[in-house]
């Protein structure tokens, strides 16, 4: 596995799962409330479809994005 610099990365230590890198978020983006509800609806549907296809890891990732979007609605 090679990183952006082309250097080889060592495998994770025993007991540590390799996974996606943490999400790094840049400047915030503002959406209208109607757009935010549509985004949340699409994410909820995508999570449900992924779960029905047995893609639990992908569904969990989409669910995490949904939670971030939903949290933005409650502010």
C-alpha atoms as a PDB file:
ATOM      1  CA  UNK A   1       0.000   0.000   0.000  1.00  0.00           C
ATOM      2  CA  UNK A   2       1.469   3.392  -0.824  1.00  0.00           C
ATOM      3  CA  UNK A   3       0.491   6.822   0.418  1.00  0.00           C
ATOM      4  CA  UNK A   4       0.244  10.109  -1.427  1.00  0.00           C
ATOM      5  CA  UNK A   5       4.013  10.579  -1.234  1.00  0.00           C
ATOM      6  CA  UNK A   6       4.628   7.122  -2.680  1.00  0.00           C
ATOM      7  CA  UNK A   7       6.162   5.856   0.577  1.00  0.00           C
ATOM      8  CA  UNK A   8       5.195   2.377   1.693  1.00  0.00           C
ATOM      9  CA  UNK A   9       2.962   2.216   4.743  1.00  0.00           C
ATOM     10  CA  UNK A  10       3.490  -0.402   7.411  1.00  0.00           C
ATOM     11  CA  UNK A  11       0.595  -2.747   8.139  1.00  0.00           C
ATOM     12  CA  UNK A  12      -1.442  -1.908  11.240  1.00  0.00           C
ATOM     13  CA  UNK A  13      -0.277  -3.466  14.539  1.00  0.00           C
ATOM     14  CA  UNK A  14      -1.961  -6.653  15.763  1.00  0.00           C
ATOM     15  CA  UNK A  15      -5.467  -5.976  17.020  1.00  0.00           C
ATOM     16  CA  UNK A  16      -5.833  -2.752  15.027  1.00  0.00           C
ATOM     17  CA  UNK A  17      -8.169  -2.843  12.050  1.00  0.00           C
ATOM     18  CA  UNK A  18      -7.170  -1.099   8.869  1.00  0.00           C
ATOM     19  CA  UNK A  19      -9.952   1.160   7.683  1.00  0.00           C
ATOM     20  CA  UNK A  20     -10.676   4.387   5.914  1.00  0.00           C
ATOM     21  CA  UNK A  21      -8.800   7.477   6.979  1.00  0.00           C
ATOM     22  CA  UNK A  22     -10.698   9.899   9.237  1.00  0.00           C
ATOM     23  CA  UNK A  23     -12.884  12.336   7.383  1.00  0.00           C
ATOM     24  CA  UNK A  24     -11.266  15.736   7.150  1.00  0.00           C
ATOM     25  CA  UNK A  25     -13.804  18.478   6.605  1.00  0.00           C
ATOM     26  CA  UNK A  26     -12.874  21.817   5.077  1.00  0.00           C
ATOM     27  CA  UNK A  27     -14.853  25.022   5.322  1.00  0.00           C
ATOM     28  CA  UNK A  28     -18.510  24.549   6.158  1.00  0.00           C
ATOM     29  CA  UNK A  29     -21.236  24.617   3.540  1.00  0.00           C
ATOM     30  CA  UNK A  30     -24.711  25.949   4.238  1.00  0.00           C
ATOM     31  CA  UNK A  31     -27.836  24.452   2.711  1.00  0.00           C
ATOM     32  CA  UNK A  32     -31.427  25.566   2.883  1.00  0.00           C
ATOM     33  CA  UNK A  33     -33.570  23.541   5.268  1.00  0.00           C
ATOM     34  CA  UNK A  34     -35.427  21.996   2.299  1.00  0.00           C
ATOM     35  CA  UNK A  35     -32.148  20.902   0.694  1.00  0.00           C
ATOM     36  CA  UNK A  36     -30.913  19.488   4.001  1.00  0.00           C
ATOM     37  CA  UNK A  37     -34.100  17.416   4.399  1.00  0.00           C
ATOM     38  CA  UNK A  38     -33.641  16.037   0.873  1.00  0.00           C
ATOM     39  CA  UNK A  39     -30.008  15.191   1.606  1.00  0.00           C
ATOM     40  CA  UNK A  40     -30.992  13.414   4.829  1.00  0.00           C
ATOM     41  CA  UNK A  41     -33.751  11.525   3.034  1.00  0.00           C
ATOM     42  CA  UNK A  42     -31.357  10.359   0.320  1.00  0.00           C
ATOM     43  CA  UNK A  43     -28.779   9.267   2.898  1.00  0.00           C
ATOM     44  CA  UNK A  44     -31.405   7.372   4.919  1.00  0.00           C
ATOM     45  CA  UNK A  45     -32.599   5.597   1.775  1.00  0.00           C
ATOM     46  CA  UNK A  46     -29.034   4.743   0.748  1.00  0.00           C
ATOM     47  CA  UNK A  47     -28.324   3.318   4.211  1.00  0.00           C
ATOM     48  CA  UNK A  48     -31.455   1.184   4.064  1.00  0.00           C
ATOM     49  CA  UNK A  49     -30.698  -0.135   0.572  1.00  0.00           C
ATOM     50  CA  UNK A  50     -27.100  -0.956   1.504  1.00  0.00           C
ATOM     51  CA  UNK A  51     -28.275  -2.858   4.598  1.00  0.00           C
ATOM     52  CA  UNK A  52     -30.809  -4.818   2.528  1.00  0.00           C
ATOM     53  CA  UNK A  53     -27.950  -5.796   0.173  1.00  0.00           C
ATOM     54  CA  UNK A  54     -25.883  -7.010   3.132  1.00  0.00           C
ATOM     55  CA  UNK A  55     -23.322  -4.222   2.841  1.00  0.00           C
ATOM     56  CA  UNK A  56     -23.238  -3.406   6.551  1.00  0.00           C
ATOM     57  CA  UNK A  57     -19.905  -1.550   6.520  1.00  0.00           C
ATOM     58  CA  UNK A  58     -20.981   0.755   3.709  1.00  0.00           C
ATOM     59  CA  UNK A  59     -24.365   1.260   5.390  1.00  0.00           C
ATOM     60  CA  UNK A  60     -22.630   2.235   8.631  1.00  0.00           C
ATOM     61  CA  UNK A  61     -20.490   4.796   6.811  1.00  0.00           C
ATOM     62  CA  UNK A  62     -23.536   6.324   5.101  1.00  0.00           C
ATOM     63  CA  UNK A  63     -25.318   6.285   8.472  1.00  0.00           C
ATOM     64  CA  UNK A  64     -22.457   8.259  10.008  1.00  0.00           C
ATOM     65  CA  UNK A  65     -22.716  10.876   7.253  1.00  0.00           C
ATOM     66  CA  UNK A  66     -26.488  11.004   7.861  1.00  0.00           C
ATOM     67  CA  UNK A  67     -25.882  11.711  11.558  1.00  0.00           C
ATOM     68  CA  UNK A  68     -23.559  14.604  10.686  1.00  0.00           C
ATOM     69  CA  UNK A  69     -26.123  16.065   8.257  1.00  0.00           C
ATOM     70  CA  UNK A  70     -28.949  15.562  10.759  1.00  0.00           C
ATOM     71  CA  UNK A  71     -26.941  17.264  13.500  1.00  0.00           C
ATOM     72  CA  UNK A  72     -26.645  20.298  11.245  1.00  0.00           C
ATOM     73  CA  UNK A  73     -30.449  20.518  11.106  1.00  0.00           C
ATOM     74  CA  UNK A  74     -30.835  20.668  14.871  1.00  0.00           C
ATOM     75  CA  UNK A  75     -28.488  23.618  15.376  1.00  0.00           C
END
